[in-house]
C-alpha atoms as a PDB file:
ATOM      1  CA  UNK A   1     -45.503  19.257   5.503  1.00  0.00           C
ATOM      2  CA  UNK A   2     -44.131  17.103   2.699  1.00  0.00           C
ATOM      3  CA  UNK A   3     -44.448  19.926   0.173  1.00  0.00           C
ATOM      4  CA  UNK A   4     -42.637  22.250   2.579  1.00  0.00           C
ATOM      5  CA  UNK A   5     -39.838  19.713   3.075  1.00  0.00           C
ATOM      6  CA  UNK A   6     -39.448  19.157  -0.679  1.00  0.00           C
ATOM      7  CA  UNK A   7     -39.337  22.903  -1.306  1.00  0.00           C
ATOM      8  CA  UNK A   8     -36.473  23.321   1.196  1.00  0.00           C
ATOM      9  CA  UNK A   9     -34.662  20.023   0.535  1.00  0.00           C
ATOM     10  CA  UNK A  10     -31.253  20.265  -1.064  1.00  0.00           C
ATOM     11  CA  UNK A  11     -29.374  16.973  -1.499  1.00  0.00           C
ATOM     12  CA  UNK A  12     -26.090  18.880  -1.703  1.00  0.00           C
ATOM     13  CA  UNK A  13     -26.544  20.575   1.689  1.00  0.00           C
ATOM     14  CA  UNK A  14     -24.709  17.906   3.717  1.00  0.00           C
ATOM     15  CA  UNK A  15     -21.783  18.053   1.313  1.00  0.00           C
ATOM     16  CA  UNK A  16     -21.824  21.854   1.467  1.00  0.00           C
ATOM     17  CA  UNK A  17     -21.790  21.803   5.289  1.00  0.00           C
ATOM     18  CA  UNK A  18     -18.792  19.443   5.259  1.00  0.00           C
ATOM     19  CA  UNK A  19     -16.961  21.515   2.625  1.00  0.00           C
ATOM     20  CA  UNK A  20     -17.373  24.709   4.702  1.00  0.00           C
ATOM     21  CA  UNK A  21     -15.743  23.110   7.772  1.00  0.00           C
ATOM     22  CA  UNK A  22     -12.169  24.002   8.605  1.00  0.00           C
ATOM     23  CA  UNK A  23      -9.581  21.276   8.049  1.00  0.00           C
ATOM     24  CA  UNK A  24      -9.272  20.367  11.751  1.00  0.00           C
ATOM     25  CA  UNK A  25     -12.999  19.765  12.072  1.00  0.00           C
ATOM     26  CA  UNK A  26     -13.050  17.847   8.755  1.00  0.00           C
ATOM     27  CA  UNK A  27     -10.444  15.455  10.158  1.00  0.00           C
ATOM     28  CA  UNK A  28     -12.920  14.520  12.933  1.00  0.00           C
ATOM     29  CA  UNK A  29     -15.829  13.844  10.572  1.00  0.00           C
ATOM     30  CA  UNK A  30     -16.229  11.007   8.089  1.00  0.00           C
ATOM     31  CA  UNK A  31     -18.763  12.224   5.520  1.00  0.00           C
ATOM     32  CA  UNK A  32     -21.435   9.826   4.315  1.00  0.00           C
ATOM     33  CA  UNK A  33     -20.905  10.949   0.748  1.00  0.00           C
ATOM     34  CA  UNK A  34     -17.652  12.449  -0.408  1.00  0.00           C
ATOM     35  CA  UNK A  35     -17.781  15.513  -2.604  1.00  0.00           C
ATOM     36  CA  UNK A  36     -16.356  15.073  -6.085  1.00  0.00           C
ATOM     37  CA  UNK A  37     -13.357  17.163  -5.060  1.00  0.00           C
ATOM     38  CA  UNK A  38     -12.667  15.069  -1.949  1.00  0.00           C
ATOM     39  CA  UNK A  39     -13.206  11.794  -3.816  1.00  0.00           C
ATOM     40  CA  UNK A  40     -10.764  12.920  -6.526  1.00  0.00           C
ATOM     41  CA  UNK A  41      -8.246  14.137  -3.940  1.00  0.00           C
ATOM     42  CA  UNK A  42      -8.265  10.754  -2.182  1.00  0.00           C
ATOM     43  CA  UNK A  43      -8.097   8.850  -5.480  1.00  0.00           C
ATOM     44  CA  UNK A  44      -5.121  10.911  -6.622  1.00  0.00           C
ATOM     45  CA  UNK A  45      -3.393  10.541  -3.242  1.00  0.00           C
ATOM     46  CA  UNK A  46      -2.990   6.758  -3.611  1.00  0.00           C
ATOM     47  CA  UNK A  47       0.718   6.351  -4.385  1.00  0.00           C
ATOM     48  CA  UNK A  48       1.961   4.341  -7.345  1.00  0.00           C
ATOM     49  CA  UNK A  49       5.185   3.802  -9.242  1.00  0.00           C
ATOM     50  CA  UNK A  50       4.915   4.495 -12.958  1.00  0.00           C
ATOM     51  CA  UNK A  51       6.933   2.970 -15.763  1.00  0.00           C
ATOM     52  CA  UNK A  52      10.653   3.721 -15.878  1.00  0.00           C
ATOM     53  CA  UNK A  53      12.006   6.188 -18.451  1.00  0.00           C
ATOM     54  CA  UNK A  54      14.993   4.828 -20.355  1.00  0.00           C
ATOM     55  CA  UNK A  55      18.016   7.027 -21.010  1.00  0.00           C
ATOM     56  CA  UNK A  56      17.748   9.108 -24.154  1.00  0.00           C
ATOM     57  CA  UNK A  57      13.952   9.466 -24.031  1.00  0.00           C
ATOM     58  CA  UNK A  58      13.026  13.134 -24.615  1.00  0.00           C
ATOM     59  CA  UNK A  59      12.095  15.065 -21.468  1.00  0.00           C
ATOM     60  CA  UNK A  60       8.543  16.142 -22.322  1.00  0.00           C
ATOM     61  CA  UNK A  61       6.522  17.780 -19.541  1.00  0.00           C
ATOM     62  CA  UNK A  62       2.850  18.552 -18.984  1.00  0.00           C
ATOM     63  CA  UNK A  63       1.508  21.803 -17.549  1.00  0.00           C
ATOM     64  CA  UNK A  64       1.575  20.063 -14.127  1.00  0.00           C
ATOM     65  CA  UNK A  65       5.250  19.200 -14.607  1.00  0.00           C
ATOM     66  CA  UNK A  66       4.705  15.466 -15.151  1.00  0.00           C
ATOM     67  CA  UNK A  67       7.061  13.696 -17.490  1.00  0.00           C
ATOM     68  CA  UNK A  68       5.372  11.899 -20.395  1.00  0.00           C
ATOM     69  CA  UNK A  69       6.627  10.043 -23.447  1.00  0.00           C
ATOM     70  CA  UNK A  70       5.180  12.002 -26.390  1.00  0.00           C
ATOM     71  CA  UNK A  71       3.878  15.371 -27.483  1.00  0.00           C
ATOM     72  CA  UNK A  72       0.447  13.787 -27.934  1.00  0.00           C
ATOM     73  CA  UNK A  73       0.478  12.622 -24.316  1.00  0.00           C
ATOM     74  CA  UNK A  74       1.234  16.219 -23.311  1.00  0.00           C
ATOM     75  CA  UNK A  75      -1.883  17.282 -25.235  1.00  0.00           C
ATOM     76  CA  UNK A  76      -4.009  14.559 -23.622  1.00  0.00           C
ATOM     77  CA  UNK A  77      -2.747  15.244 -20.076  1.00  0.00           C
ATOM     78  CA  UNK A  78      -3.101  19.020 -20.371  1.00  0.00           C
ATOM     79  CA  UNK A  79      -6.607  18.742 -21.829  1.00  0.00           C
ATOM     80  CA  UNK A  80      -7.709  16.308 -19.103  1.00  0.00           C
ATOM     81  CA  UNK A  81      -6.346  18.756 -16.523  1.00  0.00           C
ATOM     82  CA  UNK A  82      -7.959  21.781 -18.152  1.00  0.00           C
ATOM     83  CA  UNK A  83     -11.354  20.019 -18.240  1.00  0.00           C
ATOM     84  CA  UNK A  84     -11.077  18.888 -14.602  1.00  0.00           C
ATOM     85  CA  UNK A  85     -10.730  15.148 -15.234  1.00  0.00           C
ATOM     86  CA  UNK A  86      -8.514  13.507 -12.584  1.00  0.00           C
ATOM     87  CA  UNK A  87      -5.959  11.125 -14.074  1.00  0.00           C
ATOM     88  CA  UNK A  88      -2.853   9.120 -13.292  1.00  0.00           C
ATOM     89  CA  UNK A  89      -0.112   8.688 -15.880  1.00  0.00           C
ATOM     90  CA  UNK A  90       1.155   5.149 -16.468  1.00  0.00           C
ATOM     91  CA  UNK A  91      -0.372   3.816 -13.257  1.00  0.00           C
ATOM     92  CA  UNK A  92       0.317   0.048 -13.084  1.00  0.00           C
ATOM     93  CA  UNK A  93      -2.635  -2.274 -13.583  1.00  0.00           C
ATOM     94  CA  UNK A  94      -2.633  -6.009 -12.933  1.00  0.00           C
ATOM     95  CA  UNK A  95      -4.530  -7.759 -15.690  1.00  0.00           C
ATOM     96  CA  UNK A  96      -6.715 -10.725 -14.812  1.00  0.00           C
ATOM     97  CA  UNK A  97      -5.172 -12.817 -17.606  1.00  0.00           C
ATOM     98  CA  UNK A  98      -2.307 -14.096 -15.502  1.00  0.00           C
ATOM     99  CA  UNK A  99      -1.543 -11.252 -13.153  1.00  0.00           C
ATOM    100  CA  UNK A 100       0.944  -9.408 -15.324  1.00  0.00           C
ATOM    101  CA  UNK A 101       1.141  -5.639 -14.922  1.00  0.00           C
ATOM    102  CA  UNK A 102       0.574  -3.195 -17.746  1.00  0.00           C
ATOM    103  CA  UNK A 103       0.931   0.568 -17.732  1.00  0.00           C
ATOM    104  CA  UNK A 104      -2.009   2.237 -19.493  1.00  0.00           C
ATOM    105  CA  UNK A 105      -1.069   5.690 -20.722  1.00  0.00           C
ATOM    106  CA  UNK A 106      -3.764   7.263 -18.542  1.00  0.00           C
ATOM    107  CA  UNK A 107      -6.081   5.984 -15.848  1.00  0.00           C
ATOM    108  CA  UNK A 108      -8.896   8.520 -15.652  1.00  0.00           C
ATOM    109  CA  UNK A 109     -11.539   8.982 -12.979  1.00  0.00           C
ATOM    110  CA  UNK A 110     -15.103   9.616 -14.119  1.00  0.00           C
ATOM    111  CA  UNK A 111     -16.416  11.638 -11.185  1.00  0.00           C
ATOM    112  CA  UNK A 112     -20.006  11.240 -12.336  1.00  0.00           C
ATOM    113  CA  UNK A 113     -19.867   7.434 -12.012  1.00  0.00           C
ATOM    114  CA  UNK A 114     -16.808   7.210  -9.710  1.00  0.00           C
ATOM    115  CA  UNK A 115     -15.334   4.603 -12.043  1.00  0.00           C
ATOM    116  CA  UNK A 116     -11.896   4.368 -13.611  1.00  0.00           C
ATOM    117  CA  UNK A 117     -11.405   4.392 -17.372  1.00  0.00           C
ATOM    118  CA  UNK A 118      -8.200   3.522 -19.164  1.00  0.00           C
ATOM    119  CA  UNK A 119      -6.884   5.633 -22.041  1.00  0.00           C
ATOM    120  CA  UNK A 120      -4.411   4.173 -24.486  1.00  0.00           C
ATOM    121  CA  UNK A 121      -2.904   6.458 -27.078  1.00  0.00           C
ATOM    122  CA  UNK A 122      -1.494   4.560 -30.042  1.00  0.00           C
ATOM    123  CA  UNK A 123       0.909   7.043 -31.492  1.00  0.00           C
ATOM    124  CA  UNK A 124       2.817   5.305 -34.271  1.00  0.00           C
ATOM    125  CA  UNK A 125       0.182   3.397 -36.184  1.00  0.00           C
ATOM    126  CA  UNK A 126       2.117   3.659 -39.455  1.00  0.00           C
ATOM    127  CA  UNK A 127       4.903   1.545 -37.904  1.00  0.00           C
ATOM    128  CA  UNK A 128       3.922  -2.098 -38.617  1.00  0.00           C
ATOM    129  CA  UNK A 129       5.718  -3.545 -35.576  1.00  0.00           C
ATOM    130  CA  UNK A 130       4.167  -0.933 -33.244  1.00  0.00           C
ATOM    131  CA  UNK A 131       0.709  -1.475 -34.793  1.00  0.00           C
ATOM    132  CA  UNK A 132       0.997  -5.245 -34.283  1.00  0.00           C
ATOM    133  CA  UNK A 133       1.975  -4.802 -30.624  1.00  0.00           C
ATOM    134  CA  UNK A 134      -0.894  -2.340 -30.174  1.00  0.00           C
ATOM    135  CA  UNK A 135      -3.416  -4.857 -31.511  1.00  0.00           C
ATOM    136  CA  UNK A 136      -2.100  -7.461 -29.047  1.00  0.00           C
ATOM    137  CA  UNK A 137      -2.308  -4.943 -26.185  1.00  0.00           C
ATOM    138  CA  UNK A 138      -5.916  -4.067 -27.050  1.00  0.00           C
ATOM    139  CA  UNK A 139      -6.780  -7.782 -27.274  1.00  0.00           C
ATOM    140  CA  UNK A 140      -5.374  -8.290 -23.747  1.00  0.00           C
ATOM    141  CA  UNK A 141      -7.493  -5.416 -22.460  1.00  0.00           C
ATOM    142  CA  UNK A 142     -10.607  -6.894 -24.097  1.00  0.00           C
ATOM    143  CA  UNK A 143      -9.960 -10.315 -22.555  1.00  0.00           C
ATOM    144  CA  UNK A 144      -9.799  -8.643 -19.139  1.00  0.00           C
ATOM    145  CA  UNK A 145     -13.064  -6.732 -19.513  1.00  0.00           C
ATOM    146  CA  UNK A 146     -11.786  -3.394 -20.803  1.00  0.00           C
ATOM    147  CA  UNK A 147     -14.068  -2.519 -23.699  1.00  0.00           C
ATOM    148  CA  UNK A 148     -13.624   0.490 -25.995  1.00  0.00           C
ATOM    149  CA  UNK A 149     -16.472   2.937 -25.452  1.00  0.00           C
ATOM    150  CA  UNK A 150     -17.250   1.513 -22.016  1.00  0.00           C
ATOM    151  CA  UNK A 151     -14.149   1.643 -19.824  1.00  0.00           C
ATOM    152  CA  UNK A 152     -11.380   1.992 -22.407  1.00  0.00           C
ATOM    153  CA  UNK A 153     -10.616   5.068 -24.504  1.00  0.00           C
ATOM    154  CA  UNK A 154      -8.420   4.640 -27.552  1.00  0.00           C
ATOM    155  CA  UNK A 155      -6.839   7.433 -29.554  1.00  0.00           C
ATOM    156  CA  UNK A 156      -4.548   6.914 -32.531  1.00  0.00           C
ATOM    157  CA  UNK A 157      -2.311   8.818 -34.852  1.00  0.00           C
ATOM    158  CA  UNK A 158       0.200   8.328 -37.627  1.00  0.00           C
ATOM    159  CA  UNK A 159       2.932  10.525 -39.030  1.00  0.00           C
ATOM    160  CA  UNK A 160       0.502  11.690 -41.740  1.00  0.00           C
ATOM    161  CA  UNK A 161      -2.387  12.323 -39.309  1.00  0.00           C
ATOM    162  CA  UNK A 162      -1.164  13.549 -35.905  1.00  0.00           C
ATOM    163  CA  UNK A 163      -3.516  13.828 -32.950  1.00  0.00           C
ATOM    164  CA  UNK A 164      -4.990  17.297 -32.484  1.00  0.00           C
ATOM    165  CA  UNK A 165      -6.108  19.200 -29.402  1.00  0.00           C
ATOM    166  CA  UNK A 166      -9.572  19.448 -30.914  1.00  0.00           C
ATOM    167  CA  UNK A 167      -9.841  15.654 -31.253  1.00  0.00           C
ATOM    168  CA  UNK A 168      -8.696  15.127 -27.671  1.00  0.00           C
ATOM    169  CA  UNK A 169     -11.209  17.692 -26.375  1.00  0.00           C
ATOM    170  CA  UNK A 170     -14.033  16.058 -28.361  1.00  0.00           C
ATOM    171  CA  UNK A 171     -13.137  12.610 -27.003  1.00  0.00           C
ATOM    172  CA  UNK A 172     -13.092  13.906 -23.423  1.00  0.00           C
ATOM    173  CA  UNK A 173     -16.345  15.822 -23.825  1.00  0.00           C
ATOM    174  CA  UNK A 174     -18.028  12.771 -25.337  1.00  0.00           C
ATOM    175  CA  UNK A 175     -16.838  10.281 -22.740  1.00  0.00           C
ATOM    176  CA  UNK A 176     -16.988  12.408 -19.594  1.00  0.00           C
ATOM    177  CA  UNK A 177     -19.851  14.707 -20.624  1.00  0.00           C
ATOM    178  CA  UNK A 178     -18.056  17.896 -19.656  1.00  0.00           C
ATOM    179  CA  UNK A 179     -18.252  21.329 -21.210  1.00  0.00           C
ATOM    180  CA  UNK A 180     -15.262  22.696 -23.062  1.00  0.00           C
ATOM    181  CA  UNK A 181     -13.113  25.284 -21.305  1.00  0.00           C
END
């Protein structure tokens, strides 16, 4: 009997049954485990107010129509989207070092672990003032438990070495263990 059960057992079957339901029936059922798609949908549906754009900032848009601050952020956002990684742009985060809010460039959802990772892109590292502020920002993250390689992704560029789509894809594939598309 056990061998027969194991041969027929599919851990995804309950999720598949729920996913095949029509929307009205789904609204009456609270699944024990949410599918990755449903978990991501609910995570993305939580409203937030991003950082304000000052006048004169270029109007750069992602493939989803989101406004971002740099061409490199367009590359990051579009690659995250293309590889199916849910993210929020400049979603406020209260740091534990006094309750102040920061706005990480991207808050990404790792569907495999269901944990959030922050992504900071440091885009003007050849500017000494910007680099100094970036070091302070990263120190604040560290003091609050955000560790590069664990729950914090850092990408950098300078005017001599801009960020490339290939680098962004490699970072995403390495951190989220996804296949390239």
